[in-house]
């Protein structure tokens, strides 16, 4: 009798765990590529974005999305020139190597992008 009751309970537990696993796309749509940097729903190594930020900069960004989060190094380019490389861990900015002024600094990404074109 215990085995009969235990089997459906285990089956329900397994189904509930797999249902919460989520589904992530391994490719980007054109709309996702032309929108601001967002990894929601993506799981891929070479994601790309082409958009204009709040400062009016036309940015080209490449990086990796893992389980819907920015994870790894993201390269930010303006007019084909690299202005920043930012390392993200689970959607959190860890460090940024800013090259916006011609010399490398450790400014946060937002501050770095604000410097572009002001040198």
PDB file of N, CA and C in Angstrom:
ATOM      1  N   UNK A   1       0.814  -1.188   0.000  1.00  0.00           N
ATOM      2  CA  UNK A   1       0.000   0.000   0.000  1.00  0.00           C
ATOM      3  C   UNK A   1       0.869   1.268   0.000  1.00  0.00           C
ATOM      4  N   UNK A   2       1.963   1.257   0.770  1.00  0.00           N
ATOM      5  CA  UNK A   2       2.845   2.417   0.823  1.00  0.00           C
ATOM      6  C   UNK A   2       3.476   2.681  -0.532  1.00  0.00           C
ATOM      7  N   UNK A   3       3.820   1.612  -1.276  1.00  0.00           N
ATOM      8  CA  UNK A   3       4.434   1.776  -2.596  1.00  0.00           C
ATOM      9  C   UNK A   3       3.447   2.393  -3.578  1.00  0.00           C
ATOM     10  N   UNK A   4       2.186   2.041  -3.468  1.00  0.00           N
ATOM     11  CA  UNK A   4       1.166   2.571  -4.374  1.00  0.00           C
ATOM     12  C   UNK A   4       0.981   4.069  -4.146  1.00  0.00           C
ATOM     13  N   UNK A   5       1.040   4.512  -2.918  1.00  0.00           N
ATOM     14  CA  UNK A   5       0.882   5.929  -2.596  1.00  0.00           C
ATOM     15  C   UNK A   5       2.163   6.699  -2.910  1.00  0.00           C
ATOM     16  N   UNK A   6       3.290   6.083  -2.677  1.00  0.00           N
ATOM     17  CA  UNK A   6       4.576   6.745  -2.889  1.00  0.00           C
ATOM     18  C   UNK A   6       4.857   7.017  -4.365  1.00  0.00           C
ATOM     19  N   UNK A   7       4.478   6.107  -5.253  1.00  0.00           N
ATOM     20  CA  UNK A   7       4.751   6.259  -6.686  1.00  0.00           C
ATOM     21  C   UNK A   7       4.092   7.507  -7.277  1.00  0.00           C
ATOM     22  N   UNK A   8       2.785   7.765  -7.056  1.00  0.00           N
ATOM     23  CA  UNK A   8       2.193   9.000  -7.600  1.00  0.00           C
ATOM     24  C   UNK A   8       2.792  10.269  -6.992  1.00  0.00           C
ATOM     25  N   UNK A   9       3.172  10.221  -5.739  1.00  0.00           N
ATOM     26  CA  UNK A   9       3.781  11.391  -5.100  1.00  0.00           C
ATOM     27  C   UNK A   9       5.129  11.711  -5.750  1.00  0.00           C
ATOM     28  N   UNK A  10       5.920  10.697  -6.005  1.00  0.00           N
ATOM     29  CA  UNK A  10       7.205  10.906  -6.675  1.00  0.00           C
ATOM     30  C   UNK A  10       7.008  11.408  -8.097  1.00  0.00           C
ATOM     31  N   UNK A  11       6.026  10.883  -8.793  1.00  0.00           N
ATOM     32  CA  UNK A  11       5.749  11.320 -10.165  1.00  0.00           C
ATOM     33  C   UNK A  11       5.333  12.783 -10.191  1.00  0.00           C
ATOM     34  N   UNK A  12       4.487  13.207  -9.276  1.00  0.00           N
ATOM     35  CA  UNK A  12       4.069  14.606  -9.203  1.00  0.00           C
ATOM     36  C   UNK A  12       5.240  15.524  -8.856  1.00  0.00           C
ATOM     37  N   UNK A  13       6.094  15.084  -7.977  1.00  0.00           N
ATOM     38  CA  UNK A  13       7.271  15.876  -7.610  1.00  0.00           C
ATOM     39  C   UNK A  13       8.190  16.053  -8.821  1.00  0.00           C
ATOM     40  N   UNK A  14       8.405  14.998  -9.587  1.00  0.00           N
ATOM     41  CA  UNK A  14       9.258  15.081 -10.778  1.00  0.00           C
ATOM     42  C   UNK A  14       8.648  16.005 -11.821  1.00  0.00           C
ATOM     43  N   UNK A  15       7.338  15.929 -12.030  1.00  0.00           N
ATOM     44  CA  UNK A  15       6.680  16.809 -12.996  1.00  0.00           C
ATOM     45  C   UNK A  15       6.763  18.271 -12.580  1.00  0.00           C
ATOM     46  N   UNK A  16       6.593  18.542 -11.309  1.00  0.00           N
ATOM     47  CA  UNK A  16       6.656  19.930 -10.862  1.00  0.00           C
ATOM     48  C   UNK A  16       8.061  20.499 -10.996  1.00  0.00           C
ATOM     49  N   UNK A  17       9.082  19.697 -10.791  1.00  0.00           N
ATOM     50  CA  UNK A  17      10.454  20.174 -10.949  1.00  0.00           C
ATOM     51  C   UNK A  17      10.786  20.455 -12.404  1.00  0.00           C
ATOM     52  N   UNK A  18      10.345  19.625 -13.324  1.00  0.00           N
ATOM     53  CA  UNK A  18      10.640  19.858 -14.737  1.00  0.00           C
ATOM     54  C   UNK A  18       9.840  21.022 -15.284  1.00  0.00           C
ATOM     55  N   UNK A  19       8.658  21.271 -14.762  1.00  0.00           N
ATOM     56  CA  UNK A  19       7.839  22.388 -15.229  1.00  0.00           C
ATOM     57  C   UNK A  19       8.460  23.726 -14.866  1.00  0.00           C
ATOM     58  N   UNK A  20       9.215  23.785 -13.787  1.00  0.00           N
ATOM     59  CA  UNK A  20       9.821  25.037 -13.341  1.00  0.00           C
ATOM     60  C   UNK A  20      11.168  25.301 -14.012  1.00  0.00           C
ATOM     61  N   UNK A  21      11.649  24.381 -14.819  1.00  0.00           N
ATOM     62  CA  UNK A  21      12.959  24.505 -15.431  1.00  0.00           C
ATOM     63  C   UNK A  21      13.077  25.660 -16.399  1.00  0.00           C
ATOM     64  N   UNK A  22      11.999  26.030 -17.044  1.00  0.00           N
ATOM     65  CA  UNK A  22      12.012  27.144 -17.979  1.00  0.00           C
ATOM     66  C   UNK A  22      12.545  26.759 -19.339  1.00  0.00           C
ATOM     67  N   UNK A  23      12.245  27.580 -20.315  1.00  0.00           N
ATOM     68  CA  UNK A  23      12.707  27.351 -21.676  1.00  0.00           C
ATOM     69  C   UNK A  23      13.414  28.614 -22.139  1.00  0.00           C
ATOM     70  N   UNK A  24      14.618  28.448 -22.655  1.00  0.00           N
ATOM     71  CA  UNK A  24      15.396  29.584 -23.122  1.00  0.00           C
ATOM     72  C   UNK A  24      15.730  29.397 -24.595  1.00  0.00           C
ATOM     73  N   UNK A  25      15.593  30.454 -25.364  1.00  0.00           N
ATOM     74  CA  UNK A  25      15.897  30.416 -26.795  1.00  0.00           C
ATOM     75  C   UNK A  25      17.406  30.420 -27.010  1.00  0.00           C
ATOM     76  N   UNK A  26      17.854  29.687 -28.017  1.00  0.00           N
ATOM     77  CA  UNK A  26      19.273  29.621 -28.347  1.00  0.00           C
ATOM     78  C   UNK A  26      19.624  30.527 -29.529  1.00  0.00           C
ATOM     79  N   UNK A  27      18.651  31.279 -30.016  1.00  0.00           N
ATOM     80  CA  UNK A  27      18.874  32.262 -31.070  1.00  0.00           C
ATOM     81  C   UNK A  27      18.062  33.514 -30.756  1.00  0.00           C
ATOM     82  N   UNK A  28      18.521  34.638 -31.280  1.00  0.00           N
ATOM     83  CA  UNK A  28      17.832  35.908 -31.074  1.00  0.00           C
ATOM     84  C   UNK A  28      16.945  36.222 -32.268  1.00  0.00           C
ATOM     85  N   UNK A  29      15.845  36.882 -32.009  1.00  0.00           N
ATOM     86  CA  UNK A  29      15.025  37.401 -33.098  1.00  0.00           C
ATOM     87  C   UNK A  29      15.607  38.752 -33.517  1.00  0.00           C
ATOM     88  N   UNK A  30      15.196  39.240 -34.668  1.00  0.00           N
ATOM     89  CA  UNK A  30      15.649  40.553 -35.142  1.00  0.00           C
ATOM     90  C   UNK A  30      15.226  41.644 -34.163  1.00  0.00           C
ATOM     91  N   UNK A  31      14.028  41.505 -33.596  1.00  0.00           N
ATOM     92  CA  UNK A  31      13.546  42.494 -32.630  1.00  0.00           C
ATOM     93  C   UNK A  31      14.433  42.517 -31.386  1.00  0.00           C
ATOM     94  N   UNK A  32      14.860  41.343 -30.922  1.00  0.00           N
ATOM     95  CA  UNK A  32      15.736  41.290 -29.750  1.00  0.00           C
ATOM     96  C   UNK A  32      17.093  41.906 -30.050  1.00  0.00           C
ATOM     97  N   UNK A  33      17.606  41.697 -31.267  1.00  0.00           N
ATOM     98  CA  UNK A  33      18.917  42.249 -31.632  1.00  0.00           C
ATOM     99  C   UNK A  33      18.884  43.766 -31.744  1.00  0.00           C
ATOM    100  N   UNK A  34      17.751  44.326 -32.112  1.00  0.00           N
ATOM    101  CA  UNK A  34      17.657  45.771 -32.305  1.00  0.00           C
ATOM    102  C   UNK A  34      17.045  46.490 -31.108  1.00  0.00           C
ATOM    103  N   UNK A  35      16.982  45.814 -29.971  1.00  0.00           N
ATOM    104  CA  UNK A  35      16.477  46.397 -28.726  1.00  0.00           C
ATOM    105  C   UNK A  35      17.655  46.593 -27.769  1.00  0.00           C
ATOM    106  N   UNK A  36      17.463  47.401 -26.726  1.00  0.00           N
ATOM    107  CA  UNK A  36      18.542  47.558 -25.732  1.00  0.00           C
ATOM    108  C   UNK A  36      18.952  46.220 -25.123  1.00  0.00           C
ATOM    109  N   UNK A  37      20.140  46.191 -24.598  1.00  0.00           N
ATOM    110  CA  UNK A  37      20.767  44.991 -24.029  1.00  0.00           C
ATOM    111  C   UNK A  37      19.849  44.302 -23.027  1.00  0.00           C
ATOM    112  N   UNK A  38      19.383  43.081 -23.372  1.00  0.00           N
ATOM    113  CA  UNK A  38      18.485  42.321 -22.508  1.00  0.00           C
ATOM    114  C   UNK A  38      18.617  40.840 -22.847  1.00  0.00           C
ATOM    115  N   UNK A  39      18.930  40.026 -21.860  1.00  0.00           N
ATOM    116  CA  UNK A  39      19.100  38.582 -22.054  1.00  0.00           C
ATOM    117  C   UNK A  39      17.866  37.771 -21.666  1.00  0.00           C
ATOM    118  N   UNK A  40      16.792  38.417 -21.296  1.00  0.00           N
ATOM    119  CA  UNK A  40      15.599  37.707 -20.846  1.00  0.00           C
ATOM    120  C   UNK A  40      15.169  36.663 -21.880  1.00  0.00           C
ATOM    121  N   UNK A  41      15.064  35.428 -21.432  1.00  0.00           N
ATOM    122  CA  UNK A  41      14.607  34.337 -22.293  1.00  0.00           C
ATOM    123  C   UNK A  41      15.666  33.745 -23.203  1.00  0.00           C
ATOM    124  N   UNK A  42      16.922  34.191 -23.090  1.00  0.00           N
ATOM    125  CA  UNK A  42      17.983  33.721 -23.983  1.00  0.00           C
ATOM    126  C   UNK A  42      19.011  32.854 -23.262  1.00  0.00           C
ATOM    127  N   UNK A  43      19.567  31.911 -23.994  1.00  0.00           N
ATOM    128  CA  UNK A  43      20.672  31.077 -23.504  1.00  0.00           C
ATOM    129  C   UNK A  43      21.566  30.812 -24.713  1.00  0.00           C
ATOM    130  N   UNK A  44      22.553  31.689 -24.917  1.00  0.00           N
ATOM    131  CA  UNK A  44      23.420  31.582 -26.090  1.00  0.00           C
ATOM    132  C   UNK A  44      24.752  32.276 -25.844  1.00  0.00           C
ATOM    133  N   UNK A  45      25.772  31.856 -26.621  1.00  0.00           N
ATOM    134  CA  UNK A  45      27.118  32.400 -26.422  1.00  0.00           C
ATOM    135  C   UNK A  45      27.374  33.709 -27.154  1.00  0.00           C
ATOM    136  N   UNK A  46      26.909  33.839 -28.374  1.00  0.00           N
ATOM    137  CA  UNK A  46      27.282  35.006 -29.189  1.00  0.00           C
ATOM    138  C   UNK A  46      26.067  35.874 -29.494  1.00  0.00           C
ATOM    139  N   UNK A  47      25.473  36.428 -28.459  1.00  0.00           N
ATOM    140  CA  UNK A  47      24.329  37.315 -28.638  1.00  0.00           C
ATOM    141  C   UNK A  47      24.834  38.684 -29.095  1.00  0.00           C
ATOM    142  N   UNK A  48      23.993  39.380 -29.880  1.00  0.00           N
ATOM    143  CA  UNK A  48      24.370  40.694 -30.407  1.00  0.00           C
ATOM    144  C   UNK A  48      23.204  41.655 -30.259  1.00  0.00           C
ATOM    145  N   UNK A  49      23.541  42.919 -29.999  1.00  0.00           N
ATOM    146  CA  UNK A  49      22.542  43.971 -29.925  1.00  0.00           C
ATOM    147  C   UNK A  49      23.061  45.174 -30.695  1.00  0.00           C
ATOM    148  N   UNK A  50      22.145  45.883 -31.357  1.00  0.00           N
ATOM    149  CA  UNK A  50      22.465  47.102 -32.105  1.00  0.00           C
ATOM    150  C   UNK A  50      21.360  48.103 -31.762  1.00  0.00           C
ATOM    151  N   UNK A  51      21.682  49.113 -30.944  1.00  0.00           N
ATOM    152  CA  UNK A  51      20.650  50.037 -30.476  1.00  0.00           C
ATOM    153  C   UNK A  51      21.264  51.384 -30.133  1.00  0.00           C
ATOM    154  N   UNK A  52      20.403  52.365 -29.919  1.00  0.00           N
ATOM    155  CA  UNK A  52      20.822  53.689 -29.489  1.00  0.00           C
ATOM    156  C   UNK A  52      20.452  53.838 -28.018  1.00  0.00           C
ATOM    157  N   UNK A  53      21.438  54.193 -27.189  1.00  0.00           N
ATOM    158  CA  UNK A  53      21.189  54.296 -25.743  1.00  0.00           C
ATOM    159  C   UNK A  53      20.603  55.659 -25.376  1.00  0.00           C
ATOM    160  N   UNK A  54      20.409  55.888 -24.090  1.00  0.00           N
ATOM    161  CA  UNK A  54      19.801  57.124 -23.592  1.00  0.00           C
ATOM    162  C   UNK A  54      20.647  58.360 -23.901  1.00  0.00           C
ATOM    163  N   UNK A  55      21.965  58.182 -24.090  1.00  0.00           N
ATOM    164  CA  UNK A  55      22.852  59.305 -24.412  1.00  0.00           C
ATOM    165  C   UNK A  55      22.936  59.572 -25.909  1.00  0.00           C
ATOM    166  N   UNK A  56      22.200  58.809 -26.709  1.00  0.00           N
ATOM    167  CA  UNK A  56      22.217  58.986 -28.158  1.00  0.00           C
ATOM    168  C   UNK A  56      23.342  58.247 -28.855  1.00  0.00           C
ATOM    169  N   UNK A  57      24.023  57.343 -28.151  1.00  0.00           N
ATOM    170  CA  UNK A  57      25.110  56.565 -28.748  1.00  0.00           C
ATOM    171  C   UNK A  57      24.558  55.366 -29.501  1.00  0.00           C
ATOM    172  N   UNK A  58      25.026  55.160 -30.720  1.00  0.00           N
ATOM    173  CA  UNK A  58      24.671  53.970 -31.482  1.00  0.00           C
ATOM    174  C   UNK A  58      25.628  52.862 -31.064  1.00  0.00           C
ATOM    175  N   UNK A  59      25.151  51.943 -30.252  1.00  0.00           N
ATOM    176  CA  UNK A  59      25.984  50.889 -29.679  1.00  0.00           C
ATOM    177  C   UNK A  59      25.803  49.564 -30.395  1.00  0.00           C
ATOM    178  N   UNK A  60      26.905  48.850 -30.556  1.00  0.00           N
ATOM    179  CA  UNK A  60      26.917  47.462 -30.988  1.00  0.00           C
ATOM    180  C   UNK A  60      27.505  46.676 -29.827  1.00  0.00           C
ATOM    181  N   UNK A  61      26.768  45.687 -29.338  1.00  0.00           N
ATOM    182  CA  UNK A  61      27.185  44.930 -28.154  1.00  0.00           C
ATOM    183  C   UNK A  61      27.169  43.443 -28.475  1.00  0.00           C
ATOM    184  N   UNK A  62      28.204  42.733 -28.022  1.00  0.00           N
ATOM    185  CA  UNK A  62      28.221  41.271 -28.134  1.00  0.00           C
ATOM    186  C   UNK A  62      28.525  40.698 -26.758  1.00  0.00           C
ATOM    187  N   UNK A  63      27.904  39.551 -26.473  1.00  0.00           N
ATOM    188  CA  UNK A  63      28.125  38.904 -25.188  1.00  0.00           C
ATOM    189  C   UNK A  63      27.360  37.607 -25.097  1.00  0.00           C
ATOM    190  N   UNK A  64      27.367  37.000 -23.921  1.00  0.00           N
ATOM    191  CA  UNK A  64      26.724  35.698 -23.707  1.00  0.00           C
ATOM    192  C   UNK A  64      25.591  35.819 -22.702  1.00  0.00           C
ATOM    193  N   UNK A  65      24.514  35.100 -22.999  1.00  0.00           N
ATOM    194  CA  UNK A  65      23.365  35.028 -22.102  1.00  0.00           C
ATOM    195  C   UNK A  65      23.261  33.600 -21.583  1.00  0.00           C
ATOM    196  N   UNK A  66      23.164  33.456 -20.284  1.00  0.00           N
ATOM    197  CA  UNK A  66      23.032  32.136 -19.673  1.00  0.00           C
ATOM    198  C   UNK A  66      21.776  32.133 -18.813  1.00  0.00           C
ATOM    199  N   UNK A  67      20.847  31.278 -19.176  1.00  0.00           N
ATOM    200  CA  UNK A  67      19.585  31.139 -18.433  1.00  0.00           C
ATOM    201  C   UNK A  67      18.902  32.484 -18.233  1.00  0.00           C
ATOM    202  N   UNK A  68      18.869  33.296 -19.282  1.00  0.00           N
ATOM    203  CA  UNK A  68      18.172  34.566 -19.239  1.00  0.00           C
ATOM    204  C   UNK A  68      18.909  35.700 -18.555  1.00  0.00           C
ATOM    205  N   UNK A  69      20.201  35.514 -18.256  1.00  0.00           N
ATOM    206  CA  UNK A  69      20.982  36.550 -17.574  1.00  0.00           C
ATOM    207  C   UNK A  69      22.261  36.865 -18.350  1.00  0.00           C
ATOM    208  N   UNK A  70      22.731  38.105 -18.218  1.00  0.00           N
ATOM    209  CA  UNK A  70      24.029  38.480 -18.786  1.00  0.00           C
ATOM    210  C   UNK A  70      25.095  37.788 -17.947  1.00  0.00           C
ATOM    211  N   UNK A  71      25.984  37.059 -18.623  1.00  0.00           N
ATOM    212  CA  UNK A  71      27.017  36.333 -17.879  1.00  0.00           C
ATOM    213  C   UNK A  71      28.262  36.218 -18.751  1.00  0.00           C
ATOM    214  N   UNK A  72      29.366  36.794 -18.315  1.00  0.00           N
ATOM    215  CA  UNK A  72      30.608  36.770 -19.077  1.00  0.00           C
ATOM    216  C   UNK A  72      30.978  38.167 -19.541  1.00  0.00           C
ATOM    217  N   UNK A  73      31.894  38.227 -20.505  1.00  0.00           N
ATOM    218  CA  UNK A  73      32.365  39.516 -21.009  1.00  0.00           C
ATOM    219  C   UNK A  73      31.487  40.026 -22.137  1.00  0.00           C
ATOM    220  N   UNK A  74      31.114  41.296 -22.043  1.00  0.00           N
ATOM    221  CA  UNK A  74      30.328  41.965 -23.066  1.00  0.00           C
ATOM    222  C   UNK A  74      31.179  43.088 -23.648  1.00  0.00           C
ATOM    223  N   UNK A  75      31.256  43.137 -24.960  1.00  0.00           N
ATOM    224  CA  UNK A  75      32.059  44.144 -25.651  1.00  0.00           C
ATOM    225  C   UNK A  75      31.123  45.212 -26.215  1.00  0.00           C
ATOM    226  N   UNK A  76      31.421  46.476 -25.924  1.00  0.00           N
ATOM    227  CA  UNK A  76      30.612  47.609 -26.368  1.00  0.00           C
ATOM    228  C   UNK A  76      31.405  48.396 -27.407  1.00  0.00           C
ATOM    229  N   UNK A  77      30.811  48.570 -28.592  1.00  0.00           N
ATOM    230  CA  UNK A  77      31.464  49.295 -29.681  1.00  0.00           C
ATOM    231  C   UNK A  77      30.614  50.488 -30.112  1.00  0.00           C
ATOM    232  N   UNK A  78      31.288  51.586 -30.432  1.00  0.00           N
ATOM    233  CA  UNK A  78      30.645  52.770 -31.000  1.00  0.00           C
ATOM    234  C   UNK A  78      31.401  53.084 -32.278  1.00  0.00           C
ATOM    235  N   UNK A  79      30.699  53.130 -33.393  1.00  0.00           N
ATOM    236  CA  UNK A  79      31.307  53.371 -34.714  1.00  0.00           C
ATOM    237  C   UNK A  79      32.446  52.390 -34.996  1.00  0.00           C
ATOM    238  N   UNK A  80      32.289  51.146 -34.602  1.00  0.00           N
ATOM    239  CA  UNK A  80      33.294  50.119 -34.850  1.00  0.00           C
ATOM    240  C   UNK A  80      34.484  50.142 -33.909  1.00  0.00           C
ATOM    241  N   UNK A  81      34.522  51.098 -32.988  1.00  0.00           N
ATOM    242  CA  UNK A  81      35.633  51.215 -32.042  1.00  0.00           C
ATOM    243  C   UNK A  81      35.184  50.724 -30.664  1.00  0.00           C
ATOM    244  N   UNK A  82      35.976  49.838 -30.073  1.00  0.00           N
ATOM    245  CA  UNK A  82      35.646  49.324 -28.745  1.00  0.00           C
ATOM    246  C   UNK A  82      35.824  50.424 -27.707  1.00  0.00           C
ATOM    247  N   UNK A  83      34.752  50.645 -26.928  1.00  0.00           N
ATOM    248  CA  UNK A  83      34.815  51.663 -25.888  1.00  0.00           C
ATOM    249  C   UNK A  83      34.782  51.054 -24.488  1.00  0.00           C
ATOM    250  N   UNK A  84      34.292  49.809 -24.375  1.00  0.00           N
ATOM    251  CA  UNK A  84      34.239  49.174 -23.056  1.00  0.00           C
ATOM    252  C   UNK A  84      34.100  47.669 -23.179  1.00  0.00           C
ATOM    253  N   UNK A  85      34.645  46.977 -22.193  1.00  0.00           N
ATOM    254  CA  UNK A  85      34.422  45.542 -22.017  1.00  0.00           C
ATOM    255  C   UNK A  85      33.981  45.378 -20.568  1.00  0.00           C
ATOM    256  N   UNK A  86      32.792  44.811 -20.399  1.00  0.00           N
ATOM    257  CA  UNK A  86      32.230  44.660 -19.061  1.00  0.00           C
ATOM    258  C   UNK A  86      32.014  43.192 -18.751  1.00  0.00           C
ATOM    259  N   UNK A  87      32.409  42.798 -17.560  1.00  0.00           N
ATOM    260  CA  UNK A  87      32.176  41.431 -17.112  1.00  0.00           C
ATOM    261  C   UNK A  87      30.928  41.415 -16.239  1.00  0.00           C
ATOM    262  N   UNK A  88      29.982  40.546 -16.622  1.00  0.00           N
ATOM    263  CA  UNK A  88      28.759  40.354 -15.855  1.00  0.00           C
ATOM    264  C   UNK A  88      28.771  38.961 -15.251  1.00  0.00           C
ATOM    265  N   UNK A  89      28.263  38.828 -14.050  1.00  0.00           N
ATOM    266  CA  UNK A  89      28.037  37.538 -13.414  1.00  0.00           C
ATOM    267  C   UNK A  89      26.593  37.533 -12.933  1.00  0.00           C
ATOM    268  N   UNK A  90      25.803  36.654 -13.498  1.00  0.00           N
ATOM    269  CA  UNK A  90      24.382  36.529 -13.152  1.00  0.00           C
ATOM    270  C   UNK A  90      23.686  37.876 -13.178  1.00  0.00           C
ATOM    271  N   UNK A  91      23.826  38.596 -14.284  1.00  0.00           N
ATOM    272  CA  UNK A  91      23.166  39.879 -14.543  1.00  0.00           C
ATOM    273  C   UNK A  91      23.707  41.046 -13.728  1.00  0.00           C
ATOM    274  N   UNK A  92      24.785  40.849 -12.990  1.00  0.00           N
ATOM    275  CA  UNK A  92      25.354  41.915 -12.175  1.00  0.00           C
ATOM    276  C   UNK A  92      26.711  42.322 -12.736  1.00  0.00           C
ATOM    277  N   UNK A  93      26.884  43.621 -12.951  1.00  0.00           N
ATOM    278  CA  UNK A  93      28.161  44.129 -13.452  1.00  0.00           C
ATOM    279  C   UNK A  93      29.245  43.927 -12.393  1.00  0.00           C
ATOM    280  N   UNK A  94      30.322  43.254 -12.775  1.00  0.00           N
ATOM    281  CA  UNK A  94      31.427  43.001 -11.849  1.00  0.00           C
ATOM    282  C   UNK A  94      32.537  44.033 -12.029  1.00  0.00           C
ATOM    283  N   UNK A  95      32.935  44.243 -13.277  1.00  0.00           N
ATOM    284  CA  UNK A  95      33.973  45.240 -13.551  1.00  0.00           C
ATOM    285  C   UNK A  95      33.896  45.634 -15.019  1.00  0.00           C
ATOM    286  N   UNK A  96      34.358  46.847 -15.283  1.00  0.00           N
ATOM    287  CA  UNK A  96      34.363  47.373 -16.644  1.00  0.00           C
ATOM    288  C   UNK A  96      35.728  47.942 -16.956  1.00  0.00           C
ATOM    289  N   UNK A  97      36.248  47.553 -18.110  1.00  0.00           N
ATOM    290  CA  UNK A  97      37.468  48.152 -18.628  1.00  0.00           C
ATOM    291  C   UNK A  97      37.018  49.196 -19.646  1.00  0.00           C
ATOM    292  N   UNK A  98      37.137  50.460 -19.277  1.00  0.00           N
ATOM    293  CA  UNK A  98      36.643  51.565 -20.098  1.00  0.00           C
ATOM    294  C   UNK A  98      37.776  52.127 -20.960  1.00  0.00           C
ATOM    295  N   UNK A  99      37.538  52.200 -22.266  1.00  0.00           N
ATOM    296  CA  UNK A  99      38.522  52.749 -23.203  1.00  0.00           C
ATOM    297  C   UNK A  99      37.962  53.968 -23.930  1.00  0.00           C
ATOM    298  N   UNK A 100      36.931  54.582 -23.381  1.00  0.00           N
ATOM    299  CA  UNK A 100      36.227  55.681 -24.043  1.00  0.00           C
ATOM    300  C   UNK A 100      37.095  56.910 -24.270  1.00  0.00           C
ATOM    301  N   UNK A 101      38.046  57.169 -23.381  1.00  0.00           N
ATOM    302  CA  UNK A 101      38.869  58.374 -23.494  1.00  0.00           C
ATOM    303  C   UNK A 101      40.240  58.092 -24.099  1.00  0.00           C
ATOM    304  N   UNK A 102      40.460  56.867 -24.558  1.00  0.00           N
ATOM    305  CA  UNK A 102      41.742  56.515 -25.139  1.00  0.00           C
ATOM    306  C   UNK A 102      42.677  55.822 -24.172  1.00  0.00           C
ATOM    307  N   UNK A 103      42.405  55.933 -22.890  1.00  0.00           N
ATOM    308  CA  UNK A 103      43.197  55.213 -21.889  1.00  0.00           C
ATOM    309  C   UNK A 103      42.249  54.303 -21.105  1.00  0.00           C
ATOM    310  N   UNK A 104      42.780  53.212 -20.607  1.00  0.00           N
ATOM    311  CA  UNK A 104      41.944  52.255 -19.884  1.00  0.00           C
ATOM    312  C   UNK A 104      41.728  52.710 -18.447  1.00  0.00           C
ATOM    313  N   UNK A 105      40.452  52.711 -18.050  1.00  0.00           N
ATOM    314  CA  UNK A 105      40.089  53.020 -16.668  1.00  0.00           C
ATOM    315  C   UNK A 105      39.107  51.954 -16.174  1.00  0.00           C
ATOM    316  N   UNK A 106      38.809  51.967 -14.902  1.00  0.00           N
ATOM    317  CA  UNK A 106      37.885  51.002 -14.292  1.00  0.00           C
ATOM    318  C   UNK A 106      36.574  51.676 -13.888  1.00  0.00           C
ATOM    319  N   UNK A 107      36.077  52.580 -14.703  1.00  0.00           N
ATOM    320  CA  UNK A 107      34.806  53.246 -14.414  1.00  0.00           C
ATOM    321  C   UNK A 107      33.638  52.269 -14.598  1.00  0.00           C
ATOM    322  N   UNK A 108      32.548  52.449 -13.856  1.00  0.00           N
ATOM    323  CA  UNK A 108      31.352  51.642 -14.109  1.00  0.00           C
ATOM    324  C   UNK A 108      30.853  51.889 -15.538  1.00  0.00           C
ATOM    325  N   UNK A 109      30.135  50.938 -16.093  1.00  0.00           N
ATOM    326  CA  UNK A 109      29.707  51.009 -17.493  1.00  0.00           C
ATOM    327  C   UNK A 109      28.937  52.280 -17.803  1.00  0.00           C
ATOM    328  N   UNK A 110      27.978  52.643 -16.991  1.00  0.00           N
ATOM    329  CA  UNK A 110      27.167  53.826 -17.254  1.00  0.00           C
ATOM    330  C   UNK A 110      28.030  55.088 -17.321  1.00  0.00           C
ATOM    331  N   UNK A 111      28.963  55.227 -16.394  1.00  0.00           N
ATOM    332  CA  UNK A 111      29.876  56.382 -16.367  1.00  0.00           C
ATOM    333  C   UNK A 111      30.795  56.362 -17.575  1.00  0.00           C
ATOM    334  N   UNK A 112      31.238  55.164 -17.951  1.00  0.00           N
ATOM    335  CA  UNK A 112      32.123  55.012 -19.105  1.00  0.00           C
ATOM    336  C   UNK A 112      31.428  55.462 -20.389  1.00  0.00           C
ATOM    337  N   UNK A 113      30.207  54.993 -20.598  1.00  0.00           N
ATOM    338  CA  UNK A 113      29.473  55.356 -21.819  1.00  0.00           C
ATOM    339  C   UNK A 113      29.146  56.833 -21.864  1.00  0.00           C
ATOM    340  N   UNK A 114      29.013  57.468 -20.714  1.00  0.00           N
ATOM    341  CA  UNK A 114      28.754  58.907 -20.671  1.00  0.00           C
ATOM    342  C   UNK A 114      29.983  59.700 -21.150  1.00  0.00           C
ATOM    343  N   UNK A 115      31.175  59.109 -21.070  1.00  0.00           N
ATOM    344  CA  UNK A 115      32.409  59.770 -21.480  1.00  0.00           C
ATOM    345  C   UNK A 115      32.638  59.709 -22.998  1.00  0.00           C
ATOM    346  N   UNK A 116      31.952  58.826 -23.689  1.00  0.00           N
ATOM    347  CA  UNK A 116      32.178  58.649 -25.133  1.00  0.00           C
ATOM    348  C   UNK A 116      31.885  59.952 -25.865  1.00  0.00           C
ATOM    349  N   UNK A 117      32.807  60.381 -26.680  1.00  0.00           N
ATOM    350  CA  UNK A 117      32.640  61.593 -27.461  1.00  0.00           C
ATOM    351  C   UNK A 117      32.957  62.880 -26.713  1.00  0.00           C
ATOM    352  N   UNK A 118      33.336  62.780 -25.446  1.00  0.00           N
ATOM    353  CA  UNK A 118      33.650  63.973 -24.661  1.00  0.00           C
ATOM    354  C   UNK A 118      35.144  64.193 -24.488  1.00  0.00           C
ATOM    355  N   UNK A 119      35.958  63.390 -25.181  1.00  0.00           N
ATOM    356  CA  UNK A 119      37.397  63.558 -25.010  1.00  0.00           C
ATOM    357  C   UNK A 119      37.981  64.467 -26.031  1.00  0.00           C
TER     358      UNK A 119
END
